[in-house]
PDB file of N, CA and C in Angstrom:
ATOM      1  N   MET A   1       0.825  -1.184   0.000  1.00  0.00           N
ATOM      2  CA  MET A   1       0.000   0.000   0.000  1.00  0.00           C
ATOM      3  C   MET A   1       0.876   1.256   0.000  1.00  0.00           C
ATOM      4  N   ILE A   2       1.897   1.268   0.841  1.00  0.00           N
ATOM      5  CA  ILE A   2       2.762   2.441   0.925  1.00  0.00           C
ATOM      6  C   ILE A   2       3.521   2.643  -0.380  1.00  0.00           C
ATOM      7  N   ASP A   3       3.990   1.553  -0.981  1.00  0.00           N
ATOM      8  CA  ASP A   3       4.670   1.670  -2.274  1.00  0.00           C
ATOM      9  C   ASP A   3       3.747   2.267  -3.326  1.00  0.00           C
ATOM     10  N   ASP A   4       2.478   1.839  -3.338  1.00  0.00           N
ATOM     11  CA  ASP A   4       1.515   2.384  -4.292  1.00  0.00           C
ATOM     12  C   ASP A   4       1.315   3.876  -4.080  1.00  0.00           C
ATOM     13  N   MET A   5       1.262   4.284  -2.810  1.00  0.00           N
ATOM     14  CA  MET A   5       1.071   5.705  -2.531  1.00  0.00           C
ATOM     15  C   MET A   5       2.292   6.519  -2.949  1.00  0.00           C
ATOM     16  N   ARG A   6       3.476   5.955  -2.776  1.00  0.00           N
ATOM     17  CA  ARG A   6       4.688   6.664  -3.209  1.00  0.00           C
ATOM     18  C   ARG A   6       4.726   6.793  -4.724  1.00  0.00           C
ATOM     19  N   ILE A   7       4.346   5.718  -5.428  1.00  0.00           N
ATOM     20  CA  ILE A   7       4.321   5.742  -6.896  1.00  0.00           C
ATOM     21  C   ILE A   7       3.383   6.846  -7.388  1.00  0.00           C
ATOM     22  N   HIS A   8       2.258   7.022  -6.670  1.00  0.00           N
ATOM     23  CA  HIS A   8       1.295   8.055  -7.060  1.00  0.00           C
ATOM     24  C   HIS A   8       1.643   9.426  -6.476  1.00  0.00           C
ATOM     25  N   ASN A   9       2.836   9.521  -5.867  1.00  0.00           N
ATOM     26  CA  ASN A   9       3.376  10.779  -5.375  1.00  0.00           C
ATOM     27  C   ASN A   9       2.478  11.460  -4.335  1.00  0.00           C
ATOM     28  N   LEU A  10       1.889  10.656  -3.435  1.00  0.00           N
ATOM     29  CA  LEU A  10       1.090  11.228  -2.361  1.00  0.00           C
ATOM     30  C   LEU A  10       2.021  11.768  -1.283  1.00  0.00           C
ATOM     31  N   SER A  11       1.627  12.844  -0.659  1.00  0.00           N
ATOM     32  CA  SER A  11       2.464  13.459   0.371  1.00  0.00           C
ATOM     33  C   SER A  11       2.575  12.533   1.583  1.00  0.00           C
ATOM     34  N   PRO A  12       3.637  12.679   2.374  1.00  0.00           N
ATOM     35  CA  PRO A  12       3.787  11.862   3.581  1.00  0.00           C
ATOM     36  C   PRO A  12       2.599  12.016   4.534  1.00  0.00           C
ATOM     37  N   LEU A  13       2.039  13.224   4.641  1.00  0.00           N
ATOM     38  CA  LEU A  13       0.891  13.430   5.514  1.00  0.00           C
ATOM     39  C   LEU A  13      -0.327  12.653   5.011  1.00  0.00           C
ATOM     40  N   THR A  14      -0.557  12.672   3.713  1.00  0.00           N
ATOM     41  CA  THR A  14      -1.664  11.913   3.129  1.00  0.00           C
ATOM     42  C   THR A  14      -1.448  10.423   3.340  1.00  0.00           C
ATOM     43  N   GLN A  15      -0.222   9.955   3.160  1.00  0.00           N
ATOM     44  CA  GLN A  15       0.073   8.543   3.376  1.00  0.00           C
ATOM     45  C   GLN A  15      -0.216   8.137   4.818  1.00  0.00           C
ATOM     46  N   THR A  16       0.201   8.973   5.765  1.00  0.00           N
ATOM     47  CA  THR A  16      -0.046   8.680   7.174  1.00  0.00           C
ATOM     48  C   THR A  16      -1.541   8.620   7.453  1.00  0.00           C
ATOM     49  N   SER A  17      -2.282   9.550   6.887  1.00  0.00           N
ATOM     50  CA  SER A  17      -3.725   9.576   7.077  1.00  0.00           C
ATOM     51  C   SER A  17      -4.379   8.311   6.515  1.00  0.00           C
ATOM     52  N   TYR A  18      -4.006   7.929   5.291  1.00  0.00           N
ATOM     53  CA  TYR A  18      -4.580   6.739   4.669  1.00  0.00           C
ATOM     54  C   TYR A  18      -4.258   5.482   5.467  1.00  0.00           C
ATOM     55  N   VAL A  19      -3.024   5.359   5.910  1.00  0.00           N
ATOM     56  CA  VAL A  19      -2.629   4.177   6.690  1.00  0.00           C
ATOM     57  C   VAL A  19      -3.428   4.131   7.995  1.00  0.00           C
ATOM     58  N   GLY A  20      -3.634   5.291   8.614  1.00  0.00           N
ATOM     59  CA  GLY A  20      -4.423   5.340   9.844  1.00  0.00           C
ATOM     60  C   GLY A  20      -5.854   4.888   9.630  1.00  0.00           C
ATOM     61  N   HIS A  21      -6.468   5.339   8.523  1.00  0.00           N
ATOM     62  CA  HIS A  21      -7.849   4.946   8.235  1.00  0.00           C
ATOM     63  C   HIS A  21      -7.950   3.456   7.912  1.00  0.00           C
ATOM     64  N   VAL A  22      -7.008   2.943   7.179  1.00  0.00           N
ATOM     65  CA  VAL A  22      -7.017   1.510   6.869  1.00  0.00           C
ATOM     66  C   VAL A  22      -6.817   0.698   8.151  1.00  0.00           C
ATOM     67  N   SER A  23      -5.981   1.218   9.045  1.00  0.00           N
ATOM     68  CA  SER A  23      -5.757   0.546  10.324  1.00  0.00           C
ATOM     69  C   SER A  23      -7.049   0.479  11.140  1.00  0.00           C
ATOM     70  N   LEU A  24      -7.780   1.593  11.205  1.00  0.00           N
ATOM     71  CA  LEU A  24      -9.066   1.592  11.922  1.00  0.00           C
ATOM     72  C   LEU A  24     -10.056   0.635  11.276  1.00  0.00           C
ATOM     73  N   PHE A  25     -10.087   0.624   9.954  1.00  0.00           N
ATOM     74  CA  PHE A  25     -10.964  -0.279   9.211  1.00  0.00           C
ATOM     75  C   PHE A  25     -10.652  -1.731   9.549  1.00  0.00           C
ATOM     76  N   ALA A  26      -9.373  -2.084   9.550  1.00  0.00           N
ATOM     77  CA  ALA A  26      -8.972  -3.464   9.844  1.00  0.00           C
ATOM     78  C   ALA A  26      -9.264  -3.819  11.292  1.00  0.00           C
ATOM     79  N   ARG A  27      -9.016  -2.884  12.216  1.00  0.00           N
ATOM     80  CA  ARG A  27      -9.296  -3.151  13.638  1.00  0.00           C
ATOM     81  C   ARG A  27     -10.779  -3.353  13.883  1.00  0.00           C
ATOM     82  N   HIS A  28     -11.611  -2.681  13.112  1.00  0.00           N
ATOM     83  CA  HIS A  28     -13.058  -2.830  13.259  1.00  0.00           C
ATOM     84  C   HIS A  28     -13.466  -4.293  13.075  1.00  0.00           C
ATOM     85  N   PHE A  29     -12.809  -4.978  12.130  1.00  0.00           N
ATOM     86  CA  PHE A  29     -13.139  -6.371  11.837  1.00  0.00           C
ATOM     87  C   PHE A  29     -12.202  -7.357  12.527  1.00  0.00           C
ATOM     88  N   GLY A  30     -11.106  -6.859  13.080  1.00  0.00           N
ATOM     89  CA  GLY A  30     -10.153  -7.745  13.742  1.00  0.00           C
ATOM     90  C   GLY A  30      -9.401  -8.646  12.776  1.00  0.00           C
ATOM     91  N   ARG A  31      -9.255  -8.158  11.546  1.00  0.00           N
ATOM     92  CA  ARG A  31      -8.545  -8.944  10.520  1.00  0.00           C
ATOM     93  C   ARG A  31      -7.666  -8.018   9.694  1.00  0.00           C
ATOM     94  N   SER A  32      -6.737  -8.627   8.995  1.00  0.00           N
ATOM     95  CA  SER A  32      -5.854  -7.873   8.116  1.00  0.00           C
ATOM     96  C   SER A  32      -6.667  -7.263   6.974  1.00  0.00           C
ATOM     97  N   PRO A  33      -6.325  -6.048   6.535  1.00  0.00           N
ATOM     98  CA  PRO A  33      -7.055  -5.457   5.410  1.00  0.00           C
ATOM     99  C   PRO A  33      -6.897  -6.262   4.118  1.00  0.00           C
ATOM    100  N   GLU A  34      -5.855  -7.068   4.044  1.00  0.00           N
ATOM    101  CA  GLU A  34      -5.635  -7.867   2.829  1.00  0.00           C
ATOM    102  C   GLU A  34      -6.695  -8.947   2.641  1.00  0.00           C
ATOM    103  N   VAL A  35      -7.357  -9.360   3.719  1.00  0.00           N
ATOM    104  CA  VAL A  35      -8.350 -10.436   3.604  1.00  0.00           C
ATOM    105  C   VAL A  35      -9.779  -9.911   3.618  1.00  0.00           C
ATOM    106  N   LEU A  36      -9.953  -8.605   3.784  1.00  0.00           N
ATOM    107  CA  LEU A  36     -11.296  -8.036   3.812  1.00  0.00           C
ATOM    108  C   LEU A  36     -11.851  -7.906   2.400  1.00  0.00           C
ATOM    109  N   GLU A  37     -13.156  -8.033   2.292  1.00  0.00           N
ATOM    110  CA  GLU A  37     -13.851  -8.042   0.998  1.00  0.00           C
ATOM    111  C   GLU A  37     -14.659  -6.752   0.816  1.00  0.00           C
ATOM    112  N   PRO A  38     -15.129  -6.494  -0.413  1.00  0.00           N
ATOM    113  CA  PRO A  38     -15.965  -5.308  -0.649  1.00  0.00           C
ATOM    114  C   PRO A  38     -17.209  -5.252   0.254  1.00  0.00           C
ATOM    115  N   GLU A  39     -17.770  -6.422   0.606  1.00  0.00           N
ATOM    116  CA  GLU A  39     -18.927  -6.437   1.505  1.00  0.00           C
ATOM    117  C   GLU A  39     -18.554  -5.865   2.877  1.00  0.00           C
ATOM    118  N   ASP A  40     -17.302  -6.117   3.292  1.00  0.00           N
ATOM    119  CA  ASP A  40     -16.833  -5.589   4.569  1.00  0.00           C
ATOM    120  C   ASP A  40     -16.764  -4.056   4.534  1.00  0.00           C
ATOM    121  N   ILE A  41     -16.390  -3.514   3.392  1.00  0.00           N
ATOM    122  CA  ILE A  41     -16.346  -2.052   3.248  1.00  0.00           C
ATOM    123  C   ILE A  41     -17.750  -1.481   3.416  1.00  0.00           C
ATOM    124  N   ARG A  42     -18.728  -2.105   2.754  1.00  0.00           N
ATOM    125  CA  ARG A  42     -20.104  -1.637   2.873  1.00  0.00           C
ATOM    126  C   ARG A  42     -20.596  -1.741   4.319  1.00  0.00           C
ATOM    127  N   ALA A  43     -20.277  -2.836   4.986  1.00  0.00           N
ATOM    128  CA  ALA A  43     -20.686  -3.006   6.385  1.00  0.00           C
ATOM    129  C   ALA A  43     -20.029  -1.949   7.273  1.00  0.00           C
ATOM    130  N   TYR A  44     -18.769  -1.647   7.014  1.00  0.00           N
ATOM    131  CA  TYR A  44     -18.056  -0.642   7.802  1.00  0.00           C
ATOM    132  C   TYR A  44     -18.678   0.743   7.612  1.00  0.00           C
ATOM    133  N   LEU A  45     -19.031   1.068   6.382  1.00  0.00           N
ATOM    134  CA  LEU A  45     -19.623   2.371   6.105  1.00  0.00           C
ATOM    135  C   LEU A  45     -21.003   2.518   6.743  1.00  0.00           C
ATOM    136  N   ARG A  46     -21.711   1.395   6.948  1.00  0.00           N
ATOM    137  CA  ARG A  46     -23.031   1.423   7.579  1.00  0.00           C
ATOM    138  C   ARG A  46     -22.962   1.224   9.088  1.00  0.00           C
ATOM    139  N   ALA A  47     -21.786   0.972   9.628  1.00  0.00           N
ATOM    140  CA  ALA A  47     -21.636   0.684  11.061  1.00  0.00           C
ATOM    141  C   ALA A  47     -22.021   1.893  11.908  1.00  0.00           C
ATOM    142  N   ASP A  48     -22.381   1.605  13.144  1.00  0.00           N
ATOM    143  CA  ASP A  48     -22.758   2.634  14.109  1.00  0.00           C
ATOM    144  C   ASP A  48     -21.588   3.594  14.328  1.00  0.00           C
ATOM    145  N   PRO A  49     -21.798   4.895  14.154  1.00  0.00           N
ATOM    146  CA  PRO A  49     -20.697   5.856  14.339  1.00  0.00           C
ATOM    147  C   PRO A  49     -20.083   5.803  15.738  1.00  0.00           C
ATOM    148  N   THR A  50     -20.893   5.508  16.759  1.00  0.00           N
ATOM    149  CA  THR A  50     -20.369   5.415  18.119  1.00  0.00           C
ATOM    150  C   THR A  50     -19.330   4.312  18.219  1.00  0.00           C
ATOM    151  N   GLU A  51     -19.581   3.225  17.539  1.00  0.00           N
ATOM    152  CA  GLU A  51     -18.636   2.102  17.522  1.00  0.00           C
ATOM    153  C   GLU A  51     -17.308   2.539  16.899  1.00  0.00           C
ATOM    154  N   LYS A  52     -17.393   3.311  15.825  1.00  0.00           N
ATOM    155  CA  LYS A  52     -16.172   3.797  15.174  1.00  0.00           C
ATOM    156  C   LYS A  52     -15.432   4.775  16.079  1.00  0.00           C
ATOM    157  N   LEU A  53     -16.168   5.677  16.747  1.00  0.00           N
ATOM    158  CA  LEU A  53     -15.526   6.628  17.653  1.00  0.00           C
ATOM    159  C   LEU A  53     -14.832   5.916  18.810  1.00  0.00           C
ATOM    160  N   ASN A  54     -15.447   4.860  19.310  1.00  0.00           N
ATOM    161  CA  ASN A  54     -14.814   4.092  20.385  1.00  0.00           C
ATOM    162  C   ASN A  54     -13.526   3.446  19.903  1.00  0.00           C
ATOM    163  N   ALA A  55     -13.506   2.989  18.657  1.00  0.00           N
ATOM    164  CA  ALA A  55     -12.282   2.391  18.102  1.00  0.00           C
ATOM    165  C   ALA A  55     -11.193   3.440  17.951  1.00  0.00           C
ATOM    166  N   ILE A  56     -11.578   4.641  17.526  1.00  0.00           N
ATOM    167  CA  ILE A  56     -10.600   5.728  17.397  1.00  0.00           C
ATOM    168  C   ILE A  56     -10.051   6.091  18.766  1.00  0.00           C
ATOM    169  N   GLU A  57     -10.940   6.179  19.752  1.00  0.00           N
ATOM    170  CA  GLU A  57     -10.493   6.535  21.096  1.00  0.00           C
ATOM    171  C   GLU A  57      -9.537   5.486  21.662  1.00  0.00           C
ATOM    172  N   ALA A  58      -9.801   4.219  21.378  1.00  0.00           N
ATOM    173  CA  ALA A  58      -8.917   3.161  21.866  1.00  0.00           C
ATOM    174  C   ALA A  58      -7.522   3.283  21.269  1.00  0.00           C
ATOM    175  N   ALA A  59      -7.428   3.868  20.076  1.00  0.00           N
ATOM    176  CA  ALA A  59      -6.132   4.015  19.414  1.00  0.00           C
ATOM    177  C   ALA A  59      -5.380   5.263  19.879  1.00  0.00           C
ATOM    178  N   LEU A  60      -6.065   6.169  20.586  1.00  0.00           N
ATOM    179  CA  LEU A  60      -5.435   7.411  21.039  1.00  0.00           C
ATOM    180  C   LEU A  60      -4.573   7.187  22.272  1.00  0.00           C
ATOM    181  N   PRO A  61      -3.560   8.023  22.453  1.00  0.00           N
ATOM    182  CA  PRO A  61      -2.800   7.981  23.703  1.00  0.00           C
ATOM    183  C   PRO A  61      -3.734   8.323  24.870  1.00  0.00           C
ATOM    184  N   PRO A  62      -3.496   7.770  26.052  1.00  0.00           N
ATOM    185  CA  PRO A  62      -4.406   7.980  27.188  1.00  0.00           C
ATOM    186  C   PRO A  62      -4.678   9.446  27.520  1.00  0.00           C
ATOM    187  N   ASP A  63      -3.707  10.329  27.351  1.00  0.00           N
ATOM    188  CA  ASP A  63      -3.932  11.731  27.721  1.00  0.00           C
ATOM    189  C   ASP A  63      -4.819  12.488  26.740  1.00  0.00           C
ATOM    190  N   LEU A  64      -5.164  11.893  25.600  1.00  0.00           N
ATOM    191  CA  LEU A  64      -6.048  12.546  24.633  1.00  0.00           C
ATOM    192  C   LEU A  64      -7.443  11.932  24.603  1.00  0.00           C
ATOM    193  N   ARG A  65      -7.696  10.958  25.437  1.00  0.00           N
ATOM    194  CA  ARG A  65      -9.003  10.300  25.432  1.00  0.00           C
ATOM    195  C   ARG A  65     -10.059  11.172  26.085  1.00  0.00           C
ATOM    196  N   ARG A  66     -11.328  10.841  25.809  1.00  0.00           N
ATOM    197  CA  ARG A  66     -12.445  11.608  26.371  1.00  0.00           C
ATOM    198  C   ARG A  66     -12.348  11.677  27.885  1.00  0.00           C
ATOM    199  N   GLY A  67     -12.720  12.833  28.418  1.00  0.00           N
ATOM    200  CA  GLY A  67     -12.732  13.017  29.852  1.00  0.00           C
ATOM    201  C   GLY A  67     -11.402  13.480  30.411  1.00  0.00           C
ATOM    202  N   VAL A  68     -10.349  13.442  29.619  1.00  0.00           N
ATOM    203  CA  VAL A  68      -9.033  13.859  30.099  1.00  0.00           C
ATOM    204  C   VAL A  68      -8.724  15.264  29.615  1.00  0.00           C
ATOM    205  N   PHE A  69      -9.033  15.527  28.366  1.00  0.00           N
ATOM    206  CA  PHE A  69      -8.768  16.841  27.775  1.00  0.00           C
ATOM    207  C   PHE A  69      -9.850  17.807  28.243  1.00  0.00           C
ATOM    208  N   GLN A  70      -9.457  18.879  28.900  1.00  0.00           N
ATOM    209  CA  GLN A  70     -10.409  19.857  29.425  1.00  0.00           C
ATOM    210  C   GLN A  70     -10.384  21.118  28.562  1.00  0.00           C
ATOM    211  N   VAL A  71     -11.546  21.489  28.094  1.00  0.00           N
ATOM    212  CA  VAL A  71     -11.670  22.687  27.267  1.00  0.00           C
ATOM    213  C   VAL A  71     -11.879  23.887  28.184  1.00  0.00           C
ATOM    214  N   ASP A  72     -11.228  24.980  27.885  1.00  0.00           N
ATOM    215  CA  ASP A  72     -11.348  26.202  28.658  1.00  0.00           C
ATOM    216  C   ASP A  72     -12.788  26.717  28.609  1.00  0.00           C
ATOM    217  N   ASP A  73     -13.306  27.193  29.751  1.00  0.00           N
ATOM    218  CA  ASP A  73     -14.678  27.697  29.830  1.00  0.00           C
ATOM    219  C   ASP A  73     -14.923  28.845  28.861  1.00  0.00           C
ATOM    220  N   ARG A  74     -13.904  29.677  28.640  1.00  0.00           N
ATOM    221  CA  ARG A  74     -14.080  30.808  27.719  1.00  0.00           C
ATOM    222  C   ARG A  74     -14.319  30.320  26.298  1.00  0.00           C
ATOM    223  N   LEU A  75     -13.653  29.230  25.906  1.00  0.00           N
ATOM    224  CA  LEU A  75     -13.867  28.683  24.566  1.00  0.00           C
ATOM    225  C   LEU A  75     -15.280  28.133  24.441  1.00  0.00           C
ATOM    226  N   ILE A  76     -15.740  27.430  25.468  1.00  0.00           N
ATOM    227  CA  ILE A  76     -17.107  26.888  25.443  1.00  0.00           C
ATOM    228  C   ILE A  76     -18.113  28.040  25.349  1.00  0.00           C
ATOM    229  N   ALA A  77     -17.894  29.088  26.131  1.00  0.00           N
ATOM    230  CA  ALA A  77     -18.792  30.241  26.091  1.00  0.00           C
ATOM    231  C   ALA A  77     -18.775  30.884  24.711  1.00  0.00           C
ATOM    232  N   TRP A  78     -17.596  31.031  24.148  1.00  0.00           N
ATOM    233  CA  TRP A  78     -17.487  31.644  22.821  1.00  0.00           C
ATOM    234  C   TRP A  78     -18.217  30.797  21.782  1.00  0.00           C
ATOM    235  N   LEU A  79     -18.046  29.477  21.853  1.00  0.00           N
ATOM    236  CA  LEU A  79     -18.688  28.600  20.876  1.00  0.00           C
ATOM    237  C   LEU A  79     -20.201  28.574  21.043  1.00  0.00           C
ATOM    238  N   SER A  80     -20.671  28.705  22.283  1.00  0.00           N
ATOM    239  CA  SER A  80     -22.113  28.667  22.520  1.00  0.00           C
ATOM    240  C   SER A  80     -22.756  30.047  22.411  1.00  0.00           C
ATOM    241  N   GLY A  81     -21.943  31.114  22.295  1.00  0.00           N
ATOM    242  CA  GLY A  81     -22.468  32.460  22.126  1.00  0.00           C
ATOM    243  C   GLY A  81     -22.925  33.100  23.417  1.00  0.00           C
ATOM    244  N   LYS A  82     -22.475  32.616  24.579  1.00  0.00           N
ATOM    245  CA  LYS A  82     -22.888  33.161  25.872  1.00  0.00           C
ATOM    246  C   LYS A  82     -21.840  34.129  26.402  1.00  0.00           C
ATOM    247  N   LYS A  83     -22.308  35.089  27.204  1.00  0.00           N
ATOM    248  CA  LYS A  83     -21.384  36.009  27.854  1.00  0.00           C
ATOM    249  C   LYS A  83     -20.843  35.348  29.110  1.00  0.00           C
ATOM    250  N   ILE A  84     -19.578  35.521  29.343  1.00  0.00           N
ATOM    251  CA  ILE A  84     -18.966  35.034  30.575  1.00  0.00           C
ATOM    252  C   ILE A  84     -18.078  36.149  31.097  1.00  0.00           C
ATOM    253  N   SER A  85     -18.245  36.474  32.353  1.00  0.00           N
ATOM    254  CA  SER A  85     -17.492  37.564  32.995  1.00  0.00           C
ATOM    255  C   SER A  85     -17.678  38.884  32.241  1.00  0.00           C
ATOM    256  N   GLY A  86     -18.883  39.105  31.707  1.00  0.00           N
ATOM    257  CA  GLY A  86     -19.177  40.363  31.047  1.00  0.00           C
ATOM    258  C   GLY A  86     -18.569  40.533  29.670  1.00  0.00           C
ATOM    259  N   VAL A  87     -17.917  39.516  29.143  1.00  0.00           N
ATOM    260  CA  VAL A  87     -17.300  39.611  27.821  1.00  0.00           C
ATOM    261  C   VAL A  87     -18.246  38.998  26.800  1.00  0.00           C
ATOM    262  N   ASP A  88     -18.615  39.780  25.821  1.00  0.00           N
ATOM    263  CA  ASP A  88     -19.507  39.301  24.775  1.00  0.00           C
ATOM    264  C   ASP A  88     -18.695  38.522  23.744  1.00  0.00           C
ATOM    265  N   PRO A  89     -19.011  37.222  23.537  1.00  0.00           N
ATOM    266  CA  PRO A  89     -18.240  36.449  22.567  1.00  0.00           C
ATOM    267  C   PRO A  89     -18.495  36.862  21.121  1.00  0.00           C
ATOM    268  N   TRP A  90     -19.603  37.546  20.878  1.00  0.00           N
ATOM    269  CA  TRP A  90     -19.921  37.986  19.524  1.00  0.00           C
ATOM    270  C   TRP A  90     -20.163  39.493  19.535  1.00  0.00           C
ATOM    271  N   PRO A  91     -19.133  40.293  19.740  1.00  0.00           N
ATOM    272  CA  PRO A  91     -19.333  41.746  19.785  1.00  0.00           C
ATOM    273  C   PRO A  91     -19.798  42.270  18.430  1.00  0.00           C
ATOM    274  N   GLU A  92     -20.513  43.382  18.510  1.00  0.00           N
ATOM    275  CA  GLU A  92     -20.970  44.017  17.274  1.00  0.00           C
ATOM    276  C   GLU A  92     -19.764  44.529  16.497  1.00  0.00           C
ATOM    277  N   PRO A  93     -19.786  44.425  15.182  1.00  0.00           N
ATOM    278  CA  PRO A  93     -18.655  44.935  14.402  1.00  0.00           C
ATOM    279  C   PRO A  93     -18.567  46.451  14.514  1.00  0.00           C
ATOM    280  N   VAL A  94     -17.375  46.938  14.447  1.00  0.00           N
ATOM    281  CA  VAL A  94     -17.147  48.384  14.491  1.00  0.00           C
ATOM    282  C   VAL A  94     -17.470  48.949  13.117  1.00  0.00           C
ATOM    283  N   THR A  95     -18.431  49.878  13.103  1.00  0.00           N
ATOM    284  CA  THR A  95     -18.826  50.444  11.807  1.00  0.00           C
ATOM    285  C   THR A  95     -18.242  51.833  11.597  1.00  0.00           C
ATOM    286  N   GLU A  96     -17.929  52.512  12.712  1.00  0.00           N
ATOM    287  CA  GLU A  96     -17.361  53.852  12.594  1.00  0.00           C
ATOM    288  C   GLU A  96     -15.985  53.855  13.232  1.00  0.00           C
ATOM    289  N   ARG A  97     -15.093  54.537  12.607  1.00  0.00           N
ATOM    290  CA  ARG A  97     -13.755  54.672  13.157  1.00  0.00           C
ATOM    291  C   ARG A  97     -13.625  56.052  13.794  1.00  0.00           C
ATOM    292  N   PRO A  98     -12.890  56.132  14.883  1.00  0.00           N
ATOM    293  CA  PRO A  98     -12.670  57.467  15.458  1.00  0.00           C
ATOM    294  C   PRO A  98     -11.846  58.295  14.477  1.00  0.00           C
ATOM    295  N   PRO A  99     -12.006  59.607  14.542  1.00  0.00           N
ATOM    296  CA  PRO A  99     -11.230  60.450  13.613  1.00  0.00           C
ATOM    297  C   PRO A  99      -9.729  60.304  13.867  1.00  0.00           C
ATOM    298  N   ALA A 100      -8.987  60.373  12.814  1.00  0.00           N
ATOM    299  CA  ALA A 100      -7.519  60.277  12.931  1.00  0.00           C
ATOM    300  C   ALA A 100      -6.985  61.529  13.593  1.00  0.00           C
ATOM    301  N   PRO A 101      -5.986  61.393  14.446  1.00  0.00           N
ATOM    302  CA  PRO A 101      -5.414  62.592  15.084  1.00  0.00           C
ATOM    303  C   PRO A 101      -4.745  63.474  14.014  1.00  0.00           C
ATOM    304  N   HIS A 102      -4.893  64.790  14.219  1.00  0.00           N
ATOM    305  CA  HIS A 102      -4.301  65.738  13.280  1.00  0.00           C
ATOM    306  C   HIS A 102      -2.846  65.968  13.667  1.00  0.00           C
ATOM    307  N   SER A 103      -1.987  65.941  12.694  1.00  0.00           N
ATOM    308  CA  SER A 103      -0.572  66.222  12.983  1.00  0.00           C
ATOM    309  C   SER A 103      -0.320  67.704  12.715  1.00  0.00           C
ATOM    310  N   PRO A 104       0.516  68.362  13.550  1.00  0.00           N
ATOM    311  CA  PRO A 104       0.769  69.817  13.375  1.00  0.00           C
ATOM    312  C   PRO A 104       1.591  70.142  12.166  1.00  0.00           C
TER     313      PRO A 104
END
């Protein structure tokens, strides 16, 4: 697979991404991707998304798993559009500029 990607001049980042997705696909079935059939691809695409997310989480390092990474309250407020500590996350755009200072 990697040789094929190199022949097609795919970037290293794309290759890493493809290998990761194939790895998740194979782990879903517990078999090598070389023995999986087209029917398995269809079954994987129809699989419960929660099941796929759990497989991704199992592949993550422990410090990046759910419940460990804490999002800052200000980011949550900004994303939800709520004010926190009097700061408006969606301030009105400035439509008028103050006059420029005059130079002598």
